[in-house]
Amino acid sequence: MGISQTKISGKMNVKELFPCLVSFQNDDWYEMPENFKSPKQPNRTYGIMPWNPKYEQFHSSLDITEISNGTLTFATGTLFPKTNFISDKPFRFMYGGMGNWQGSYFTIYQGKLNPDYHQ
């Protein structure tokens, strides 16, 4: 889980802000379907973010069009599978800074799992 906070003082010239977050990625997981039979046994990672009941969708950003002062708080997280997962593709920790465009991820660390080590 991660908590991002930013203070706004004055009107900003952007519509929305994306949270600062760290994600854990593996290319094999992206080839798997994003649904699972039991929430107690996920087969891949899943991002966790707040639910917006008004639009019936997840919040991936904060709408700041009506905000000129205050502190914004955004909670994010990742759900990891508890089962063994072997992949010949690297696992990456990616960082994305808070901002008005979420395309600025960069790799903090990447490496492969040792299949001889019990996960």
C-alpha atoms as a PDB file:
ATOM      1  CA  MET A   1       0.000   0.000   0.000  1.00  0.00           C
ATOM      2  CA  GLY A   2       1.104   3.526  -0.629  1.00  0.00           C
ATOM      3  CA  ILE A   3      -0.277   6.896   0.436  1.00  0.00           C
ATOM      4  CA  SER A   4       0.473   9.945  -1.737  1.00  0.00           C
ATOM      5  CA  GLN A   5      -0.205  13.438  -0.470  1.00  0.00           C
ATOM      6  CA  THR A   6       0.283  16.770  -2.162  1.00  0.00           C
ATOM      7  CA  LYS A   7      -0.542  20.284  -1.036  1.00  0.00           C
ATOM      8  CA  ILE A   8      -2.156  22.687  -3.464  1.00  0.00           C
ATOM      9  CA  SER A   9      -2.029  26.414  -2.942  1.00  0.00           C
ATOM     10  CA  GLY A  10      -3.449  28.321  -5.859  1.00  0.00           C
ATOM     11  CA  LYS A  11      -5.255  27.312  -9.019  1.00  0.00           C
ATOM     12  CA  MET A  12      -3.341  24.830 -11.195  1.00  0.00           C
ATOM     13  CA  ASN A  13      -3.519  24.715 -14.984  1.00  0.00           C
ATOM     14  CA  VAL A  14      -4.246  20.967 -15.131  1.00  0.00           C
ATOM     15  CA  LYS A  15      -7.473  18.995 -14.827  1.00  0.00           C
ATOM     16  CA  GLU A  16      -6.170  16.005 -12.893  1.00  0.00           C
ATOM     17  CA  LEU A  17      -3.219  14.672 -10.901  1.00  0.00           C
ATOM     18  CA  PHE A  18      -2.022  11.085 -10.885  1.00  0.00           C
ATOM     19  CA  PRO A  19      -0.688   9.604  -7.629  1.00  0.00           C
ATOM     20  CA  CYS A  20       2.920   8.804  -6.891  1.00  0.00           C
ATOM     21  CA  LEU A  21       3.240   5.014  -6.883  1.00  0.00           C
ATOM     22  CA  VAL A  22       5.494   1.996  -7.147  1.00  0.00           C
ATOM     23  CA  SER A  23       4.289  -0.984  -9.182  1.00  0.00           C
ATOM     24  CA  PHE A  24       5.601  -4.531  -9.458  1.00  0.00           C
ATOM     25  CA  GLN A  25       5.505  -5.870 -13.021  1.00  0.00           C
ATOM     26  CA  ASN A  26       6.254  -9.024 -14.982  1.00  0.00           C
ATOM     27  CA  ASP A  27       5.436  -9.444 -18.680  1.00  0.00           C
ATOM     28  CA  ASP A  28       4.025 -12.961 -18.174  1.00  0.00           C
ATOM     29  CA  TRP A  29       1.381 -11.558 -15.823  1.00  0.00           C
ATOM     30  CA  TYR A  30       0.152  -9.186 -18.521  1.00  0.00           C
ATOM     31  CA  GLU A  31      -0.610 -12.137 -20.791  1.00  0.00           C
ATOM     32  CA  MET A  32      -2.934 -13.627 -18.150  1.00  0.00           C
ATOM     33  CA  PRO A  33      -6.622 -12.679 -17.888  1.00  0.00           C
ATOM     34  CA  GLU A  34      -7.418 -10.031 -15.272  1.00  0.00           C
ATOM     35  CA  ASN A  35     -10.138 -12.058 -13.599  1.00  0.00           C
ATOM     36  CA  PHE A  36      -9.746 -14.815 -11.059  1.00  0.00           C
ATOM     37  CA  LYS A  37     -12.046 -17.387  -9.512  1.00  0.00           C
ATOM     38  CA  SER A  38     -11.268 -16.605  -5.880  1.00  0.00           C
ATOM     39  CA  PRO A  39     -10.043 -13.342  -4.316  1.00  0.00           C
ATOM     40  CA  LYS A  40      -8.124 -15.523  -1.843  1.00  0.00           C
ATOM     41  CA  GLN A  41      -6.074 -17.054  -4.677  1.00  0.00           C
ATOM     42  CA  PRO A  42      -5.183 -14.474  -7.344  1.00  0.00           C
ATOM     43  CA  ASN A  43      -3.009 -15.723 -10.211  1.00  0.00           C
ATOM     44  CA  ARG A  44      -1.216 -12.434 -10.914  1.00  0.00           C
ATOM     45  CA  THR A  45      -0.744  -8.968  -9.422  1.00  0.00           C
ATOM     46  CA  TYR A  46      -3.670  -6.563  -9.292  1.00  0.00           C
ATOM     47  CA  GLY A  47      -3.552  -2.834  -8.720  1.00  0.00           C
ATOM     48  CA  ILE A  48      -5.647  -1.461  -5.870  1.00  0.00           C
ATOM     49  CA  MET A  49      -7.125   2.025  -6.055  1.00  0.00           C
ATOM     50  CA  PRO A  50     -10.190   3.866  -4.728  1.00  0.00           C
ATOM     51  CA  TRP A  51     -13.640   3.168  -6.215  1.00  0.00           C
ATOM     52  CA  ASN A  52     -15.696   6.078  -7.584  1.00  0.00           C
ATOM     53  CA  PRO A  53     -19.359   5.134  -6.956  1.00  0.00           C
ATOM     54  CA  LYS A  54     -20.671   8.122  -8.951  1.00  0.00           C
ATOM     55  CA  TYR A  55     -19.086   6.929 -12.205  1.00  0.00           C
ATOM     56  CA  GLU A  56     -18.852   3.227 -11.193  1.00  0.00           C
ATOM     57  CA  GLN A  57     -15.163   3.032 -11.966  1.00  0.00           C
ATOM     58  CA  PHE A  58     -11.817   3.122 -10.200  1.00  0.00           C
ATOM     59  CA  HIS A  59     -10.100   6.435  -9.513  1.00  0.00           C
ATOM     60  CA  SER A  60      -6.824   6.471 -11.412  1.00  0.00           C
ATOM     61  CA  SER A  61      -6.361  10.205 -10.868  1.00  0.00           C
ATOM     62  CA  LEU A  62      -7.661  13.080  -8.770  1.00  0.00           C
ATOM     63  CA  ASP A  63      -9.864  15.727 -10.404  1.00  0.00           C
ATOM     64  CA  ILE A  64      -8.474  19.108  -9.279  1.00  0.00           C
ATOM     65  CA  THR A  65     -10.538  21.434 -11.497  1.00  0.00           C
ATOM     66  CA  GLU A  66     -12.441  22.830  -8.497  1.00  0.00           C
ATOM     67  CA  ILE A  67      -9.564  22.791  -5.981  1.00  0.00           C
ATOM     68  CA  SER A  68      -7.322  25.771  -5.337  1.00  0.00           C
ATOM     69  CA  ASN A  69      -6.129  25.074  -1.775  1.00  0.00           C
ATOM     70  CA  GLY A  70      -5.761  21.996   0.412  1.00  0.00           C
ATOM     71  CA  THR A  71      -4.068  18.644   0.758  1.00  0.00           C
ATOM     72  CA  LEU A  72      -4.974  15.792  -1.569  1.00  0.00           C
ATOM     73  CA  THR A  73      -4.524  12.207  -0.390  1.00  0.00           C
ATOM     74  CA  PHE A  74      -4.529   9.181  -2.667  1.00  0.00           C
ATOM     75  CA  ALA A  75      -4.165   5.523  -1.572  1.00  0.00           C
ATOM     76  CA  THR A  76      -2.867   2.847  -3.953  1.00  0.00           C
ATOM     77  CA  GLY A  77      -1.625  -0.703  -3.553  1.00  0.00           C
ATOM     78  CA  THR A  78      -0.857  -4.042  -5.151  1.00  0.00           C
ATOM     79  CA  LEU A  79      -2.291  -7.482  -4.455  1.00  0.00           C
ATOM     80  CA  PHE A  80       0.283 -10.271  -4.954  1.00  0.00           C
ATOM     81  CA  PRO A  81      -0.416 -13.961  -5.619  1.00  0.00           C
ATOM     82  CA  LYS A  82       0.510 -16.370  -2.825  1.00  0.00           C
ATOM     83  CA  THR A  83       1.314 -19.250  -5.168  1.00  0.00           C
ATOM     84  CA  ASN A  84       4.666 -20.043  -6.766  1.00  0.00           C
ATOM     85  CA  PHE A  85       5.196 -18.188 -10.013  1.00  0.00           C
ATOM     86  CA  ILE A  86       8.055 -19.010 -12.365  1.00  0.00           C
ATOM     87  CA  SER A  87       8.909 -16.748 -15.275  1.00  0.00           C
ATOM     88  CA  ASP A  88      11.959 -16.421 -17.478  1.00  0.00           C
ATOM     89  CA  LYS A  89      11.093 -12.731 -17.892  1.00  0.00           C
ATOM     90  CA  PRO A  90      12.389 -10.164 -15.380  1.00  0.00           C
ATOM     91  CA  PHE A  91      10.334  -8.784 -12.534  1.00  0.00           C
ATOM     92  CA  ARG A  92      10.488  -4.987 -12.270  1.00  0.00           C
ATOM     93  CA  PHE A  93       9.755  -2.423  -9.594  1.00  0.00           C
ATOM     94  CA  MET A  94       8.578   0.684 -11.458  1.00  0.00           C
ATOM     95  CA  TYR A  95       8.196   4.203 -10.033  1.00  0.00           C
ATOM     96  CA  GLY A  96       5.765   6.828 -11.273  1.00  0.00           C
ATOM     97  CA  GLY A  97       5.912  10.303  -9.771  1.00  0.00           C
ATOM     98  CA  MET A  98       2.852  12.384  -8.974  1.00  0.00           C
ATOM     99  CA  GLY A  99       1.923  14.658 -11.820  1.00  0.00           C
ATOM    100  CA  ASN A 100      -0.571  15.523 -14.511  1.00  0.00           C
ATOM    101  CA  TRP A 101       0.560  12.750 -16.871  1.00  0.00           C
ATOM    102  CA  GLN A 102       1.176   9.156 -15.817  1.00  0.00           C
ATOM    103  CA  GLY A 103       3.619   8.260 -18.591  1.00  0.00           C
ATOM    104  CA  SER A 104       6.751   8.952 -16.571  1.00  0.00           C
ATOM    105  CA  TYR A 105       7.475   5.504 -15.074  1.00  0.00           C
ATOM    106  CA  PHE A 106      11.041   4.339 -14.700  1.00  0.00           C
ATOM    107  CA  THR A 107      12.568   1.109 -13.426  1.00  0.00           C
ATOM    108  CA  ILE A 108      13.916   1.159  -9.859  1.00  0.00           C
ATOM    109  CA  TYR A 109      15.021  -2.489  -9.870  1.00  0.00           C
ATOM    110  CA  GLN A 110      14.665  -5.543 -12.083  1.00  0.00           C
ATOM    111  CA  GLY A 111      15.763  -9.150 -11.796  1.00  0.00           C
ATOM    112  CA  LYS A 112      14.771 -12.752 -12.392  1.00  0.00           C
ATOM    113  CA  LEU A 113      13.602 -15.269  -9.813  1.00  0.00           C
ATOM    114  CA  ASN A 114      15.809 -18.246  -9.081  1.00  0.00           C
ATOM    115  CA  PRO A 115      13.654 -21.333  -9.875  1.00  0.00           C
ATOM    116  CA  ASP A 116      15.676 -23.402  -7.371  1.00  0.00           C
ATOM    117  CA  TYR A 117      14.549 -21.154  -4.499  1.00  0.00           C
ATOM    118  CA  HIS A 118      11.103 -21.903  -3.064  1.00  0.00           C
ATOM    119  CA  GLN A 119       9.048 -18.745  -3.381  1.00  0.00           C
END
